N, C-alpha and C. Protein backbone atom coordinates (compact mmCIF):
# COMPACT_ATOMS: atom_id res chain seq x y z
N MET A 1 27.97 7.23 28.47
CA MET A 1 26.78 7.14 27.83
C MET A 1 26.89 7.80 26.15
N ASP A 2 26.70 7.05 25.18
CA ASP A 2 26.86 7.79 23.90
C ASP A 2 25.54 8.22 24.05
N SER A 3 25.48 9.28 22.83
CA SER A 3 24.43 10.06 22.38
C SER A 3 23.92 9.32 21.47
N ILE A 4 22.54 9.30 21.49
CA ILE A 4 22.07 8.52 20.44
C ILE A 4 21.06 9.54 18.95
N THR A 5 21.59 9.60 18.01
CA THR A 5 21.32 10.69 16.80
C THR A 5 19.87 10.37 16.48
N LEU A 6 19.55 11.31 16.24
CA LEU A 6 17.97 10.91 15.17
C LEU A 6 18.00 9.90 14.32
N GLN A 7 18.93 9.79 13.76
CA GLN A 7 19.23 8.52 12.70
C GLN A 7 19.29 7.69 13.39
N GLN A 8 20.39 7.27 14.31
CA GLN A 8 19.95 6.31 14.78
C GLN A 8 19.08 5.59 15.43
N SER A 9 18.25 6.53 16.12
CA SER A 9 16.61 6.34 16.85
C SER A 9 15.78 5.80 16.00
N ILE A 10 15.99 6.42 14.91
CA ILE A 10 14.86 6.01 13.61
C ILE A 10 14.99 5.02 12.69
N LYS A 11 16.43 4.15 12.89
CA LYS A 11 17.08 3.40 11.88
C LYS A 11 16.25 1.93 11.92
N HIS A 12 15.76 1.50 12.98
CA HIS A 12 14.97 0.38 13.01
C HIS A 12 13.45 0.45 12.84
N PRO A 13 12.97 1.09 13.39
CA PRO A 13 11.13 1.32 12.88
C PRO A 13 11.52 1.89 11.12
N PHE A 14 12.32 2.66 11.15
CA PHE A 14 12.28 2.75 9.31
C PHE A 14 12.77 1.39 8.60
N ASN A 15 13.40 0.66 9.04
CA ASN A 15 14.17 -0.39 8.00
C ASN A 15 12.63 -1.55 8.07
N LEU A 16 12.13 -1.45 9.52
CA LEU A 16 10.72 -2.48 9.33
C LEU A 16 9.58 -2.27 8.65
N LEU A 17 9.23 -0.60 8.84
CA LEU A 17 8.46 0.06 7.62
C LEU A 17 9.02 -0.44 6.28
N LYS A 18 10.16 -0.22 6.19
CA LYS A 18 10.34 -0.29 4.50
C LYS A 18 10.10 -1.77 4.45
N PHE A 19 10.58 -2.62 4.94
CA PHE A 19 10.45 -4.03 4.61
C PHE A 19 8.70 -4.27 4.62
N THR A 20 8.58 -4.30 5.33
CA THR A 20 6.69 -4.18 5.18
C THR A 20 6.28 -3.63 4.11
N PHE A 21 6.64 -2.31 3.84
CA PHE A 21 6.02 -1.91 2.18
C PHE A 21 6.72 -1.89 1.16
N VAL A 22 7.57 -3.08 1.26
CA VAL A 22 8.28 -3.51 0.03
C VAL A 22 7.48 -5.12 -0.06
N ILE A 23 7.40 -5.59 0.92
CA ILE A 23 6.93 -6.78 0.73
C ILE A 23 5.33 -7.43 0.88
N VAL A 24 4.50 -6.32 1.42
CA VAL A 24 2.87 -6.51 1.45
C VAL A 24 2.60 -6.14 0.16
N PRO A 25 3.28 -4.68 -0.57
CA PRO A 25 2.22 -4.41 -1.44
C PRO A 25 2.78 -5.61 -2.68
N ILE A 26 3.73 -6.06 -2.52
CA ILE A 26 3.94 -7.05 -4.04
C ILE A 26 3.39 -8.70 -3.57
N VAL A 27 3.33 -8.87 -2.18
CA VAL A 27 2.41 -10.03 -1.98
C VAL A 27 1.10 -9.61 -2.20
N ALA A 28 0.21 -8.55 -1.74
CA ALA A 28 -1.29 -8.21 -2.37
C ALA A 28 -1.04 -8.54 -4.09
N GLY A 29 -0.13 -7.57 -4.71
CA GLY A 29 -0.13 -7.55 -6.06
C GLY A 29 -0.50 -8.97 -6.95
N LEU A 30 0.75 -9.94 -6.57
CA LEU A 30 0.74 -11.27 -6.71
C LEU A 30 -0.30 -11.96 -6.47
N ASP A 31 -1.03 -11.48 -5.34
CA ASP A 31 -2.24 -12.41 -5.06
C ASP A 31 -3.53 -12.00 -5.88
N LYS A 32 -3.41 -11.13 -6.43
CA LYS A 32 -4.81 -10.18 -7.66
C LYS A 32 -4.63 -11.43 -8.78
N PHE A 33 -3.29 -12.34 -8.69
CA PHE A 33 -3.28 -13.39 -9.68
C PHE A 33 -4.20 -14.68 -9.51
N THR A 34 -3.80 -14.96 -8.28
CA THR A 34 -3.82 -16.38 -7.77
C THR A 34 -5.55 -15.99 -6.83
N ASN A 35 -5.66 -15.35 -6.05
CA ASN A 35 -6.76 -15.00 -4.98
C ASN A 35 -6.49 -16.28 -4.24
N LEU A 36 -5.63 -16.40 -3.61
CA LEU A 36 -4.97 -17.32 -2.79
C LEU A 36 -5.83 -16.51 -0.99
N LEU A 37 -5.21 -15.16 -1.28
CA LEU A 37 -5.47 -14.78 0.13
C LEU A 37 -7.07 -14.06 0.36
N THR A 38 -7.97 -13.74 -0.93
CA THR A 38 -9.31 -13.40 -0.70
C THR A 38 -9.40 -13.20 -2.25
N ASP A 39 -10.76 -13.39 -2.44
CA ASP A 39 -11.23 -12.90 -3.99
C ASP A 39 -11.42 -11.29 -3.67
N TRP A 40 -10.55 -10.60 -4.46
CA TRP A 40 -10.36 -9.42 -4.67
C TRP A 40 -11.25 -8.64 -5.17
N THR A 41 -11.96 -9.25 -6.46
CA THR A 41 -13.15 -8.36 -7.15
C THR A 41 -14.13 -8.36 -5.53
N GLN A 42 -14.15 -8.59 -4.52
CA GLN A 42 -15.69 -8.42 -3.67
C GLN A 42 -15.39 -7.06 -3.43
N TYR A 43 -14.04 -6.60 -3.42
CA TYR A 43 -13.60 -4.80 -3.07
C TYR A 43 -14.44 -3.84 -4.25
N ILE A 44 -14.63 -4.44 -5.11
CA ILE A 44 -14.69 -3.46 -6.03
C ILE A 44 -16.42 -2.93 -5.75
N ASN A 45 -16.72 -1.91 -6.26
CA ASN A 45 -17.87 -0.82 -5.99
C ASN A 45 -18.59 -1.42 -7.12
N PRO A 46 -19.82 -1.84 -7.23
CA PRO A 46 -20.54 -2.95 -8.49
C PRO A 46 -20.71 -1.39 -9.25
N ALA A 47 -21.08 -0.20 -9.30
CA ALA A 47 -21.21 0.76 -9.65
C ALA A 47 -20.26 1.07 -10.58
N PHE A 48 -19.02 1.03 -10.08
CA PHE A 48 -17.47 0.97 -10.70
C PHE A 48 -17.38 0.11 -11.40
N LEU A 49 -17.52 -1.21 -11.06
CA LEU A 49 -17.68 -2.48 -12.11
C LEU A 49 -18.10 -2.25 -13.41
N GLU A 50 -19.54 -2.04 -13.36
CA GLU A 50 -20.47 -1.97 -14.48
C GLU A 50 -19.88 -0.90 -15.58
N MET A 51 -19.07 -0.18 -15.22
CA MET A 51 -18.30 1.15 -15.96
C MET A 51 -17.11 0.27 -16.53
N LEU A 52 -16.64 -1.11 -16.08
CA LEU A 52 -14.89 -1.47 -16.64
C LEU A 52 -15.73 -1.74 -17.77
N PRO A 53 -14.80 -1.68 -18.79
CA PRO A 53 -14.67 -2.39 -20.60
C PRO A 53 -14.10 -3.65 -20.12
N PHE A 54 -14.29 -4.46 -19.20
CA PHE A 54 -13.68 -5.42 -18.92
C PHE A 54 -13.86 -6.04 -17.50
N SER A 55 -13.41 -7.34 -17.13
CA SER A 55 -14.02 -8.29 -16.00
C SER A 55 -13.57 -7.25 -14.95
N GLY A 56 -14.04 -7.85 -13.70
CA GLY A 56 -13.51 -7.48 -12.47
C GLY A 56 -11.70 -8.02 -12.18
N SER A 57 -11.82 -9.34 -12.53
CA SER A 57 -10.68 -10.24 -12.42
C SER A 57 -9.55 -9.31 -13.22
N THR A 58 -9.55 -9.03 -14.43
CA THR A 58 -8.81 -8.28 -15.12
C THR A 58 -8.47 -7.05 -14.35
N PHE A 59 -9.57 -6.35 -14.05
CA PHE A 59 -9.30 -4.79 -13.48
C PHE A 59 -8.30 -5.53 -12.18
N MET A 60 -8.59 -6.42 -11.44
CA MET A 60 -7.79 -6.48 -10.22
C MET A 60 -6.04 -7.14 -10.44
N MET A 61 -6.00 -7.96 -11.81
CA MET A 61 -4.80 -7.98 -11.89
C MET A 61 -3.74 -6.71 -12.53
N ILE A 62 -4.56 -5.88 -13.12
CA ILE A 62 -3.78 -4.31 -13.33
C ILE A 62 -3.81 -3.45 -12.11
N LEU A 63 -4.38 -3.96 -11.18
CA LEU A 63 -4.11 -2.88 -9.68
C LEU A 63 -3.01 -4.41 -9.27
N GLY A 64 -3.24 -5.08 -9.43
CA GLY A 64 -1.96 -5.99 -8.78
C GLY A 64 -0.40 -6.18 -9.26
N ILE A 65 -0.43 -5.41 -10.40
CA ILE A 65 0.68 -4.64 -11.25
C ILE A 65 1.05 -3.50 -10.71
N ILE A 66 0.24 -2.31 -10.43
CA ILE A 66 0.64 -1.37 -9.95
C ILE A 66 1.29 -1.58 -8.87
N GLU A 67 0.48 -2.61 -7.54
CA GLU A 67 0.93 -2.36 -6.46
C GLU A 67 2.44 -3.25 -6.21
N ILE A 68 2.85 -4.17 -7.54
CA ILE A 68 4.18 -4.77 -7.37
C ILE A 68 5.23 -3.57 -7.78
N ILE A 69 4.62 -3.07 -8.85
CA ILE A 69 5.68 -1.68 -8.62
C ILE A 69 6.11 -0.91 -7.84
N ALA A 70 4.87 -0.41 -6.93
CA ALA A 70 4.69 0.53 -5.76
C ALA A 70 5.87 0.18 -4.54
N GLY A 71 5.64 -1.43 -4.93
CA GLY A 71 6.64 -2.13 -3.70
C GLY A 71 8.09 -1.94 -3.97
N VAL A 72 8.28 -2.29 -5.72
CA VAL A 72 9.54 -2.39 -6.04
C VAL A 72 10.10 -0.80 -5.99
N ILE A 73 9.43 0.39 -5.86
CA ILE A 73 9.77 1.66 -5.94
C ILE A 73 9.93 1.68 -4.43
N VAL A 74 9.40 1.30 -3.42
CA VAL A 74 10.01 1.80 -1.95
C VAL A 74 11.27 0.94 -2.08
N LEU A 75 11.25 -0.25 -2.35
CA LEU A 75 12.70 -1.04 -2.47
C LEU A 75 14.00 0.00 -2.87
N ILE A 76 13.77 0.83 -4.04
CA ILE A 76 14.62 1.76 -4.67
C ILE A 76 14.48 2.99 -4.29
N LYS A 77 13.74 3.80 -4.57
CA LYS A 77 13.72 5.34 -3.75
C LYS A 77 12.01 5.18 -2.47
N THR A 78 13.09 4.80 -1.37
CA THR A 78 11.97 4.74 -0.46
C THR A 78 11.15 6.09 -0.19
N GLU A 79 11.55 7.18 -0.22
CA GLU A 79 10.79 8.36 0.47
C GLU A 79 9.29 8.62 -0.83
N LEU A 80 9.98 8.27 -2.22
CA LEU A 80 8.95 8.72 -3.22
C LEU A 80 8.30 7.13 -3.20
N GLY A 81 8.62 6.07 -2.91
CA GLY A 81 7.62 4.83 -2.65
C GLY A 81 6.80 4.93 -1.66
N GLY A 82 6.98 5.57 -0.67
CA GLY A 82 6.14 5.72 0.45
C GLY A 82 4.99 6.66 0.25
N TYR A 83 5.60 7.60 -0.22
CA TYR A 83 4.29 8.52 -0.87
C TYR A 83 3.36 7.97 -1.22
N ILE A 84 3.85 7.62 -2.53
CA ILE A 84 3.10 6.82 -3.40
C ILE A 84 2.10 5.77 -2.80
N VAL A 85 2.67 4.96 -1.90
CA VAL A 85 1.99 3.50 -1.33
C VAL A 85 1.17 4.37 -0.44
N ALA A 86 1.25 5.40 0.13
CA ALA A 86 0.16 6.42 1.16
C ALA A 86 -0.66 6.55 0.41
N ALA A 87 -0.61 7.38 -1.00
CA ALA A 87 -1.60 8.13 -2.00
C ALA A 87 -2.60 6.76 -2.00
N TRP A 88 -1.88 5.69 -2.43
CA TRP A 88 -2.84 4.43 -3.06
C TRP A 88 -3.54 3.65 -1.72
N LEU A 89 -2.74 3.69 -1.12
CA LEU A 89 -3.81 3.29 0.28
C LEU A 89 -5.04 4.01 0.66
N THR A 90 -4.74 5.56 0.73
CA THR A 90 -6.07 6.41 0.70
C THR A 90 -6.67 6.47 -0.18
N LEU A 91 -6.63 6.24 -1.66
CA LEU A 91 -7.45 6.07 -2.51
C LEU A 91 -8.36 4.80 -2.41
N ILE A 92 -7.77 3.69 -2.08
CA ILE A 92 -8.20 2.68 -1.98
C ILE A 92 -9.41 2.59 -0.76
N ALA A 93 -8.74 3.07 0.54
CA ALA A 93 -9.99 3.33 1.68
C ALA A 93 -11.08 4.23 1.30
N LEU A 94 -10.38 5.38 0.70
CA LEU A 94 -11.86 6.17 0.07
C LEU A 94 -12.93 5.57 -0.71
N THR A 95 -12.31 4.69 -1.46
CA THR A 95 -13.33 3.97 -2.28
C THR A 95 -13.91 3.31 -1.53
N LEU A 96 -13.33 2.60 -0.75
CA LEU A 96 -14.43 1.45 0.22
C LEU A 96 -15.37 2.43 0.95
N LEU A 97 -14.99 3.42 1.11
CA LEU A 97 -15.83 4.25 2.24
C LEU A 97 -17.15 4.64 1.21
N GLY A 98 -16.66 5.01 0.26
CA GLY A 98 -18.13 5.72 -1.01
C GLY A 98 -18.79 4.51 -0.60
N GLU A 99 -18.72 3.26 -0.76
CA GLU A 99 -19.56 2.16 -1.00
C GLU A 99 -19.95 1.88 0.13
N PHE A 100 -19.51 2.31 1.47
CA PHE A 100 -20.15 1.88 2.86
C PHE A 100 -19.80 0.41 3.50
N ASN A 101 -19.17 0.02 2.51
CA ASN A 101 -18.59 -1.72 2.72
C ASN A 101 -17.39 -1.85 3.01
N PHE A 102 -16.93 -2.81 3.89
CA PHE A 102 -15.84 -3.09 4.33
C PHE A 102 -14.89 -1.96 4.63
N ILE A 103 -15.66 -1.29 5.98
CA ILE A 103 -15.25 -0.30 6.63
C ILE A 103 -14.02 -0.68 7.51
N ASP A 104 -13.64 -1.85 7.80
CA ASP A 104 -12.68 -1.87 8.74
C ASP A 104 -11.42 -2.24 7.80
N VAL A 105 -11.77 -2.42 6.78
CA VAL A 105 -10.89 -2.76 5.31
C VAL A 105 -9.83 -1.14 5.29
N ALA A 106 -11.04 -0.42 4.83
CA ALA A 106 -10.65 0.71 4.73
C ALA A 106 -10.13 1.56 6.07
N VAL A 107 -10.60 1.59 7.20
CA VAL A 107 -9.70 2.01 8.49
C VAL A 107 -7.87 1.42 8.58
N ARG A 108 -8.32 -0.13 8.08
CA ARG A 108 -6.60 -0.41 8.23
C ARG A 108 -6.20 0.35 7.17
N ASP A 109 -6.68 0.49 5.77
CA ASP A 109 -6.08 0.81 4.87
C ASP A 109 -5.11 2.52 5.42
N PHE A 110 -6.19 3.07 5.98
CA PHE A 110 -5.54 4.65 6.37
C PHE A 110 -4.99 4.45 7.28
N VAL A 111 -4.88 3.68 8.12
CA VAL A 111 -3.56 3.79 9.38
C VAL A 111 -2.22 2.95 8.34
N MET A 112 -2.62 2.41 7.21
CA MET A 112 -1.01 1.88 6.61
C MET A 112 -0.61 2.89 5.93
N ALA A 113 -1.56 3.77 5.48
CA ALA A 113 -1.31 4.89 4.85
C ALA A 113 -0.27 5.74 5.27
N ILE A 114 -0.89 6.08 6.52
CA ILE A 114 -0.22 6.63 7.85
C ILE A 114 0.91 6.54 7.98
N SER A 115 1.38 5.15 7.67
CA SER A 115 2.79 4.56 8.39
C SER A 115 3.41 4.52 6.98
N ALA A 116 2.95 4.16 5.85
CA ALA A 116 4.07 4.46 4.20
C ALA A 116 4.38 5.95 4.57
N PHE A 117 3.56 6.98 4.71
CA PHE A 117 3.49 8.58 4.96
C PHE A 117 4.79 8.34 5.69
N SER A 118 4.62 8.10 6.83
CA SER A 118 5.65 7.94 7.83
C SER A 118 6.91 7.80 7.45
N MET A 119 6.93 6.26 6.68
CA MET A 119 8.35 5.53 6.18
C MET A 119 8.76 6.90 5.37
N GLY A 120 8.11 7.28 4.34
CA GLY A 120 8.35 7.84 3.42
C GLY A 120 9.21 9.55 4.43
N ARG A 121 8.67 10.35 4.87
CA ARG A 121 9.20 11.38 5.53
C ARG A 121 10.52 10.95 6.70
N PHE A 122 10.76 9.54 7.11
CA PHE A 122 11.69 9.03 7.80
C PHE A 122 12.99 8.90 6.91
N ALA A 123 12.64 8.51 5.73
CA ALA A 123 13.55 8.70 4.72
C ALA A 123 14.32 9.55 4.35
N LYS A 124 14.14 10.71 4.38
CA LYS A 124 14.93 11.86 4.50
C LYS A 124 16.32 11.73 5.56
N PHE A 125 16.09 10.92 6.50
CA PHE A 125 16.95 11.03 7.17
C PHE A 125 17.85 9.91 7.65
N ILE A 126 17.55 9.13 6.95
CA ILE A 126 18.24 7.87 7.00
C ILE A 126 19.31 7.57 5.67
N SER A 127 20.61 7.66 6.06
CA SER A 127 21.65 7.67 4.16
C SER A 127 21.28 6.07 3.71
């Protein structure tokens, strides 16, 4: 029986995480322009929205561009991209917790952040 190396053991879960964190940020980012999945402006803290010099829709489009770029970075430089996506999702979750709305989304984003961070760490072992 062949011994399984660490790299062989984590290759498939790593690829699944990589595929997820390329596609999901890009799709979510693109949806900031169409609002087909949800009305993204509902997630903006009203106090923060009042401070913006532009509309909530414009703000979400800017965030959408950032998310698309993050997905592309995961594709090209997975380790770095994993850390960026993890930080981004943590920031979103903390923002949602600060308003104490959408706690379910905040928890989901924390779990996704942990997954993105793990993918970034796994990238060190995958050639």
